[in-house]
């Protein structure tokens, strides 16, 4: 496994973990999952372009 694959798996797990499922986190909205989704998107673009 390369380091980029490990980073992608960690960021996807972070994306799933950021979904507002608990009562105290429902008021947060989609900010945590939006930020982690943006990080996953940037990482996928870097992987596809061959820069990572």
Foldseek 3Di string as FASTA:
>chain_A
DDPLVVVLVVLVVQLVVLDPDDPVCVVVPCVSNVVSVVVNVVSVVCVVVVVD
